[in-house]
Amino acid sequence: MKIGFSKGGLTFNSKKFHPLNMGIKGYEIESNEAINSVDAVELLEALSSIKTKKATKLDKIKGLKEAMDKMNS
């Protein structure tokens, strides 16, 4: 997976990341709703807190909530 940063936002494998259009384990969510500009570094910081081995389920939920709050602000 190739992650990129630009003025237009975050990209994965050279495709613009749209947080409302994502798939997990074969299930996908799609939306045509416009999204707010998100600082990619802040979003990655929120998501990186979830990745640690010591993170509990509550920590993971808080990390996802923080990431969603950053996308919706």
PDB file of N, CA and C in Angstrom:
ATOM      1  N   MET A   1       0.846  -1.170   0.000  1.00  0.00           N
ATOM      2  CA  MET A   1       0.000   0.000   0.000  1.00  0.00           C
ATOM      3  C   MET A   1       0.892   1.234   0.000  1.00  0.00           C
ATOM      4  N   LYS A   2       0.580   2.150  -0.875  1.00  0.00           N
ATOM      5  CA  LYS A   2       1.332   3.392  -0.990  1.00  0.00           C
ATOM      6  C   LYS A   2       0.463   4.533  -0.459  1.00  0.00           C
ATOM      7  N   ILE A   3       0.963   5.248   0.543  1.00  0.00           N
ATOM      8  CA  ILE A   3       0.223   6.356   1.147  1.00  0.00           C
ATOM      9  C   ILE A   3       0.874   7.660   0.708  1.00  0.00           C
ATOM     10  N   GLY A   4       0.061   8.597   0.241  1.00  0.00           N
ATOM     11  CA  GLY A   4       0.582   9.875  -0.222  1.00  0.00           C
ATOM     12  C   GLY A   4      -0.126  11.047   0.432  1.00  0.00           C
ATOM     13  N   PHE A   5       0.566  12.174   0.478  1.00  0.00           N
ATOM     14  CA  PHE A   5       0.016  13.406   1.033  1.00  0.00           C
ATOM     15  C   PHE A   5       0.091  14.488  -0.032  1.00  0.00           C
ATOM     16  N   SER A   6      -0.959  15.265  -0.140  1.00  0.00           N
ATOM     17  CA  SER A   6      -0.949  16.392  -1.069  1.00  0.00           C
ATOM     18  C   SER A   6      -1.878  17.469  -0.538  1.00  0.00           C
ATOM     19  N   LYS A   7      -1.914  18.600  -1.227  1.00  0.00           N
ATOM     20  CA  LYS A   7      -2.827  19.665  -0.813  1.00  0.00           C
ATOM     21  C   LYS A   7      -4.276  19.212  -0.942  1.00  0.00           C
ATOM     22  N   GLY A   8      -4.531  18.292  -1.849  1.00  0.00           N
ATOM     23  CA  GLY A   8      -5.883  17.777  -2.059  1.00  0.00           C
ATOM     24  C   GLY A   8      -6.325  16.785  -1.008  1.00  0.00           C
ATOM     25  N   GLY A   9      -5.392  16.300  -0.200  1.00  0.00           N
ATOM     26  CA  GLY A   9      -5.744  15.362   0.861  1.00  0.00           C
ATOM     27  C   GLY A   9      -4.882  14.120   0.844  1.00  0.00           C
ATOM     28  N   LEU A  10      -5.365  13.100   1.467  1.00  0.00           N
ATOM     29  CA  LEU A  10      -4.668  11.838   1.641  1.00  0.00           C
ATOM     30  C   LEU A  10      -4.977  10.912   0.468  1.00  0.00           C
ATOM     31  N   THR A  11      -3.966  10.174  -0.016  1.00  0.00           N
ATOM     32  CA  THR A  11      -4.184   9.215  -1.096  1.00  0.00           C
ATOM     33  C   THR A  11      -3.657   7.847  -0.695  1.00  0.00           C
ATOM     34  N   PHE A  12      -4.352   6.809  -1.125  1.00  0.00           N
ATOM     35  CA  PHE A  12      -3.914   5.428  -0.952  1.00  0.00           C
ATOM     36  C   PHE A  12      -3.775   4.821  -2.335  1.00  0.00           C
ATOM     37  N   ASN A  13      -2.592   4.304  -2.642  1.00  0.00           N
ATOM     38  CA  ASN A  13      -2.310   3.734  -3.964  1.00  0.00           C
ATOM     39  C   ASN A  13      -2.693   4.709  -5.074  1.00  0.00           C
ATOM     40  N   SER A  14      -2.332   5.968  -4.888  1.00  0.00           N
ATOM     41  CA  SER A  14      -2.559   7.058  -5.847  1.00  0.00           C
ATOM     42  C   SER A  14      -4.036   7.376  -6.082  1.00  0.00           C
ATOM     43  N   LYS A  15      -4.921   6.890  -5.225  1.00  0.00           N
ATOM     44  CA  LYS A  15      -6.347   7.215  -5.316  1.00  0.00           C
ATOM     45  C   LYS A  15      -6.715   8.081  -4.122  1.00  0.00           C
ATOM     46  N   LYS A  16      -7.476   9.152  -4.378  1.00  0.00           N
ATOM     47  CA  LYS A  16      -7.862  10.055  -3.303  1.00  0.00           C
ATOM     48  C   LYS A  16      -8.693   9.306  -2.265  1.00  0.00           C
ATOM     49  N   PHE A  17      -8.351   9.512  -1.006  1.00  0.00           N
ATOM     50  CA  PHE A  17      -9.042   8.847   0.095  1.00  0.00           C
ATOM     51  C   PHE A  17     -10.323   9.599   0.421  1.00  0.00           C
ATOM     52  N   HIS A  18     -11.419   8.905   0.379  1.00  0.00           N
ATOM     53  CA  HIS A  18     -12.718   9.457   0.758  1.00  0.00           C
ATOM     54  C   HIS A  18     -13.216   8.597   1.914  1.00  0.00           C
ATOM     55  N   PRO A  19     -13.254   9.146   3.141  1.00  0.00           N
ATOM     56  CA  PRO A  19     -13.577   8.319   4.306  1.00  0.00           C
ATOM     57  C   PRO A  19     -14.977   7.721   4.285  1.00  0.00           C
ATOM     58  N   LEU A  20     -15.864   8.258   3.466  1.00  0.00           N
ATOM     59  CA  LEU A  20     -17.213   7.702   3.399  1.00  0.00           C
ATOM     60  C   LEU A  20     -17.336   6.604   2.350  1.00  0.00           C
ATOM     61  N   ASN A  21     -16.290   6.375   1.566  1.00  0.00           N
ATOM     62  CA  ASN A  21     -16.279   5.311   0.562  1.00  0.00           C
ATOM     63  C   ASN A  21     -15.154   4.346   0.904  1.00  0.00           C
ATOM     64  N   MET A  22     -15.437   3.403   1.746  1.00  0.00           N
ATOM     65  CA  MET A  22     -14.400   2.451   2.106  1.00  0.00           C
ATOM     66  C   MET A  22     -14.997   1.067   2.295  1.00  0.00           C
ATOM     67  N   GLY A  23     -14.162   0.070   2.125  1.00  0.00           N
ATOM     68  CA  GLY A  23     -14.616  -1.298   2.281  1.00  0.00           C
ATOM     69  C   GLY A  23     -13.765  -2.043   3.290  1.00  0.00           C
ATOM     70  N   ILE A  24     -14.411  -2.908   4.041  1.00  0.00           N
ATOM     71  CA  ILE A  24     -13.718  -3.735   5.024  1.00  0.00           C
ATOM     72  C   ILE A  24     -14.275  -5.146   4.917  1.00  0.00           C
ATOM     73  N   LYS A  25     -13.403  -6.098   4.640  1.00  0.00           N
ATOM     74  CA  LYS A  25     -13.765  -7.518   4.557  1.00  0.00           C
ATOM     75  C   LYS A  25     -14.968  -7.765   3.644  1.00  0.00           C
ATOM     76  N   GLY A  26     -14.970  -7.129   2.486  1.00  0.00           N
ATOM     77  CA  GLY A  26     -16.022  -7.363   1.509  1.00  0.00           C
ATOM     78  C   GLY A  26     -17.259  -6.504   1.667  1.00  0.00           C
ATOM     79  N   TYR A  27     -17.369  -5.749   2.749  1.00  0.00           N
ATOM     80  CA  TYR A  27     -18.505  -4.849   2.950  1.00  0.00           C
ATOM     81  C   TYR A  27     -18.058  -3.435   2.618  1.00  0.00           C
ATOM     82  N   GLU A  28     -18.865  -2.729   1.836  1.00  0.00           N
ATOM     83  CA  GLU A  28     -18.477  -1.392   1.412  1.00  0.00           C
ATOM     84  C   GLU A  28     -19.548  -0.371   1.731  1.00  0.00           C
ATOM     85  N   ILE A  29     -19.081   0.827   1.991  1.00  0.00           N
ATOM     86  CA  ILE A  29     -19.962   1.973   2.199  1.00  0.00           C
ATOM     87  C   ILE A  29     -19.611   2.978   1.114  1.00  0.00           C
ATOM     88  N   GLU A  30     -20.606   3.503   0.433  1.00  0.00           N
ATOM     89  CA  GLU A  30     -20.358   4.504  -0.596  1.00  0.00           C
ATOM     90  C   GLU A  30     -21.249   5.706  -0.368  1.00  0.00           C
ATOM     91  N   SER A  31     -20.699   6.873  -0.632  1.00  0.00           N
ATOM     92  CA  SER A  31     -21.447   8.108  -0.480  1.00  0.00           C
ATOM     93  C   SER A  31     -20.951   9.115  -1.502  1.00  0.00           C
ATOM     94  N   ASN A  32     -21.838   9.964  -1.969  1.00  0.00           N
ATOM     95  CA  ASN A  32     -21.425  11.033  -2.873  1.00  0.00           C
ATOM     96  C   ASN A  32     -21.424  12.377  -2.150  1.00  0.00           C
ATOM     97  N   GLU A  33     -21.553  12.336  -0.833  1.00  0.00           N
ATOM     98  CA  GLU A  33     -21.553  13.548  -0.022  1.00  0.00           C
ATOM     99  C   GLU A  33     -20.157  14.164  -0.013  1.00  0.00           C
ATOM    100  N   ALA A  34     -20.093  15.475  -0.167  1.00  0.00           N
ATOM    101  CA  ALA A  34     -18.804  16.165  -0.134  1.00  0.00           C
ATOM    102  C   ALA A  34     -18.231  16.114   1.277  1.00  0.00           C
ATOM    103  N   ILE A  35     -16.922  15.967   1.360  1.00  0.00           N
ATOM    104  CA  ILE A  35     -16.285  15.905   2.672  1.00  0.00           C
ATOM    105  C   ILE A  35     -15.457  17.152   2.912  1.00  0.00           C
ATOM    106  N   ASN A  36     -15.241  17.450   4.178  1.00  0.00           N
ATOM    107  CA  ASN A  36     -14.409  18.589   4.555  1.00  0.00           C
ATOM    108  C   ASN A  36     -12.945  18.248   4.327  1.00  0.00           C
ATOM    109  N   SER A  37     -12.146  19.264   4.116  1.00  0.00           N
ATOM    110  CA  SER A  37     -10.712  19.064   3.981  1.00  0.00           C
ATOM    111  C   SER A  37     -10.153  18.621   5.333  1.00  0.00           C
ATOM    112  N   VAL A  38      -9.346  17.581   5.320  1.00  0.00           N
ATOM    113  CA  VAL A  38      -8.808  17.009   6.551  1.00  0.00           C
ATOM    114  C   VAL A  38      -7.291  17.072   6.496  1.00  0.00           C
ATOM    115  N   ASP A  39      -6.685  17.476   7.603  1.00  0.00           N
ATOM    116  CA  ASP A  39      -5.228  17.460   7.687  1.00  0.00           C
ATOM    117  C   ASP A  39      -4.789  16.002   7.789  1.00  0.00           C
ATOM    118  N   ALA A  40      -4.080  15.526   6.785  1.00  0.00           N
ATOM    119  CA  ALA A  40      -3.706  14.114   6.709  1.00  0.00           C
ATOM    120  C   ALA A  40      -2.842  13.680   7.886  1.00  0.00           C
ATOM    121  N   VAL A  41      -1.974  14.549   8.356  1.00  0.00           N
ATOM    122  CA  VAL A  41      -1.095  14.196   9.474  1.00  0.00           C
ATOM    123  C   VAL A  41      -1.915  13.967  10.741  1.00  0.00           C
ATOM    124  N   GLU A  42      -2.883  14.833  11.005  1.00  0.00           N
ATOM    125  CA  GLU A  42      -3.728  14.668  12.185  1.00  0.00           C
ATOM    126  C   GLU A  42      -4.537  13.377  12.098  1.00  0.00           C
ATOM    127  N   LEU A  43      -5.022  13.066  10.913  1.00  0.00           N
ATOM    128  CA  LEU A  43      -5.799  11.845  10.724  1.00  0.00           C
ATOM    129  C   LEU A  43      -4.932  10.609  10.953  1.00  0.00           C
ATOM    130  N   LEU A  44      -3.719  10.613  10.422  1.00  0.00           N
ATOM    131  CA  LEU A  44      -2.824   9.475  10.626  1.00  0.00           C
ATOM    132  C   LEU A  44      -2.411   9.332  12.084  1.00  0.00           C
ATOM    133  N   GLU A  45      -2.254  10.448  12.791  1.00  0.00           N
ATOM    134  CA  GLU A  45      -1.935  10.376  14.216  1.00  0.00           C
ATOM    135  C   GLU A  45      -3.062   9.688  14.981  1.00  0.00           C
ATOM    136  N   ALA A  46      -4.294  10.040  14.644  1.00  0.00           N
ATOM    137  CA  ALA A  46      -5.437   9.422  15.318  1.00  0.00           C
ATOM    138  C   ALA A  46      -5.515   7.932  14.999  1.00  0.00           C
ATOM    139  N   LEU A  47      -5.278   7.577  13.745  1.00  0.00           N
ATOM    140  CA  LEU A  47      -5.361   6.168  13.354  1.00  0.00           C
ATOM    141  C   LEU A  47      -4.172   5.356  13.859  1.00  0.00           C
ATOM    142  N   SER A  48      -3.005   5.982  14.007  1.00  0.00           N
ATOM    143  CA  SER A  48      -1.830   5.242  14.477  1.00  0.00           C
ATOM    144  C   SER A  48      -1.962   4.837  15.936  1.00  0.00           C
ATOM    145  N   SER A  49      -2.768   5.554  16.703  1.00  0.00           N
ATOM    146  CA  SER A  49      -2.960   5.180  18.104  1.00  0.00           C
ATOM    147  C   SER A  49      -3.707   3.849  18.222  1.00  0.00           C
ATOM    148  N   ILE A  50      -4.424   3.473  17.190  1.00  0.00           N
ATOM    149  CA  ILE A  50      -5.184   2.223  17.181  1.00  0.00           C
ATOM    150  C   ILE A  50      -4.271   1.033  16.901  1.00  0.00           C
ATOM    151  N   LYS A  51      -3.192   1.254  16.201  1.00  0.00           N
ATOM    152  CA  LYS A  51      -2.350   0.185  15.676  1.00  0.00           C
ATOM    153  C   LYS A  51      -1.476  -0.507  16.725  1.00  0.00           C
ATOM    154  N   THR A  52      -1.288   0.083  17.881  1.00  0.00           N
ATOM    155  CA  THR A  52      -0.378  -0.501  18.865  1.00  0.00           C
ATOM    156  C   THR A  52      -0.933  -1.800  19.434  1.00  0.00           C
ATOM    157  N   LYS A  53      -0.033  -2.694  19.804  1.00  0.00           N
ATOM    158  CA  LYS A  53      -0.442  -3.988  20.352  1.00  0.00           C
ATOM    159  C   LYS A  53      -1.072  -3.847  21.732  1.00  0.00           C
ATOM    160  N   LYS A  54      -0.704  -2.791  22.443  1.00  0.00           N
ATOM    161  CA  LYS A  54      -1.219  -2.593  23.795  1.00  0.00           C
ATOM    162  C   LYS A  54      -2.582  -1.898  23.811  1.00  0.00           C
ATOM    163  N   ALA A  55      -3.077  -1.492  22.655  1.00  0.00           N
ATOM    164  CA  ALA A  55      -4.353  -0.772  22.596  1.00  0.00           C
ATOM    165  C   ALA A  55      -5.509  -1.709  22.939  1.00  0.00           C
ATOM    166  N   THR A  56      -6.325  -1.285  23.877  1.00  0.00           N
ATOM    167  CA  THR A  56      -7.507  -2.060  24.246  1.00  0.00           C
ATOM    168  C   THR A  56      -8.636  -1.729  23.270  1.00  0.00           C
ATOM    169  N   LYS A  57      -9.739  -2.445  23.382  1.00  0.00           N
ATOM    170  CA  LYS A  57     -10.887  -2.154  22.522  1.00  0.00           C
ATOM    171  C   LYS A  57     -11.376  -0.732  22.744  1.00  0.00           C
ATOM    172  N   LEU A  58     -11.353  -0.286  23.996  1.00  0.00           N
ATOM    173  CA  LEU A  58     -11.780   1.076  24.300  1.00  0.00           C
ATOM    174  C   LEU A  58     -10.842   2.096  23.651  1.00  0.00           C
ATOM    175  N   ASP A  59      -9.532   1.828  23.683  1.00  0.00           N
ATOM    176  CA  ASP A  59      -8.566   2.718  23.030  1.00  0.00           C
ATOM    177  C   ASP A  59      -8.815   2.779  21.526  1.00  0.00           C
ATOM    178  N   LYS A  60      -9.133   1.633  20.934  1.00  0.00           N
ATOM    179  CA  LYS A  60      -9.399   1.588  19.495  1.00  0.00           C
ATOM    180  C   LYS A  60     -10.657   2.371  19.143  1.00  0.00           C
ATOM    181  N   ILE A  61     -11.679   2.242  19.964  1.00  0.00           N
ATOM    182  CA  ILE A  61     -12.921   2.990  19.732  1.00  0.00           C
ATOM    183  C   ILE A  61     -12.662   4.487  19.855  1.00  0.00           C
ATOM    184  N   LYS A  62     -11.889   4.871  20.879  1.00  0.00           N
ATOM    185  CA  LYS A  62     -11.560   6.288  21.065  1.00  0.00           C
ATOM    186  C   LYS A  62     -10.750   6.815  19.881  1.00  0.00           C
ATOM    187  N   GLY A  63      -9.818   6.008  19.368  1.00  0.00           N
ATOM    188  CA  GLY A  63      -9.016   6.413  18.214  1.00  0.00           C
ATOM    189  C   GLY A  63      -9.871   6.613  16.975  1.00  0.00           C
ATOM    190  N   LEU A  64     -10.807   5.693  16.741  1.00  0.00           N
ATOM    191  CA  LEU A  64     -11.711   5.838  15.596  1.00  0.00           C
ATOM    192  C   LEU A  64     -12.616   7.050  15.760  1.00  0.00           C
ATOM    193  N   LYS A  65     -13.094   7.274  16.991  1.00  0.00           N
ATOM    194  CA  LYS A  65     -13.941   8.442  17.245  1.00  0.00           C
ATOM    195  C   LYS A  65     -13.161   9.731  16.990  1.00  0.00           C
ATOM    196  N   GLU A  66     -11.914   9.758  17.437  1.00  0.00           N
ATOM    197  CA  GLU A  66     -11.079  10.942  17.218  1.00  0.00           C
ATOM    198  C   GLU A  66     -10.862  11.186  15.725  1.00  0.00           C
ATOM    199  N   ALA A  67     -10.617  10.111  14.967  1.00  0.00           N
ATOM    200  CA  ALA A  67     -10.433  10.251  13.522  1.00  0.00           C
ATOM    201  C   ALA A  67     -11.712  10.756  12.858  1.00  0.00           C
ATOM    202  N   MET A  68     -12.856  10.222  13.271  1.00  0.00           N
ATOM    203  CA  MET A  68     -14.130  10.663  12.700  1.00  0.00           C
ATOM    204  C   MET A  68     -14.414  12.123  13.055  1.00  0.00           C
ATOM    205  N   ASP A  69     -14.082  12.515  14.290  1.00  0.00           N
ATOM    206  CA  ASP A  69     -14.278  13.911  14.694  1.00  0.00           C
ATOM    207  C   ASP A  69     -13.436  14.855  13.837  1.00  0.00           C
ATOM    208  N   LYS A  70     -12.208  14.444  13.525  1.00  0.00           N
ATOM    209  CA  LYS A  70     -11.335  15.277  12.694  1.00  0.00           C
ATOM    210  C   LYS A  70     -11.886  15.398  11.275  1.00  0.00           C
ATOM    211  N   MET A  71     -12.521  14.337  10.783  1.00  0.00           N
ATOM    212  CA  MET A  71     -13.079  14.374   9.434  1.00  0.00           C
ATOM    213  C   MET A  71     -14.366  15.185   9.376  1.00  0.00           C
ATOM    214  N   ASN A  72     -15.088  15.248  10.483  1.00  0.00           N
ATOM    215  CA  ASN A  72     -16.372  15.946  10.493  1.00  0.00           C
ATOM    216  C   ASN A  72     -16.289  17.384  10.980  1.00  0.00           C
ATOM    217  N   SER A  73     -15.125  17.820  11.416  1.00  0.00           N
ATOM    218  CA  SER A  73     -15.025  19.193  11.936  1.00  0.00           C
ATOM    219  C   SER A  73     -14.783  20.199  10.841  1.00  0.00           C
TER     220      SER A  73
END
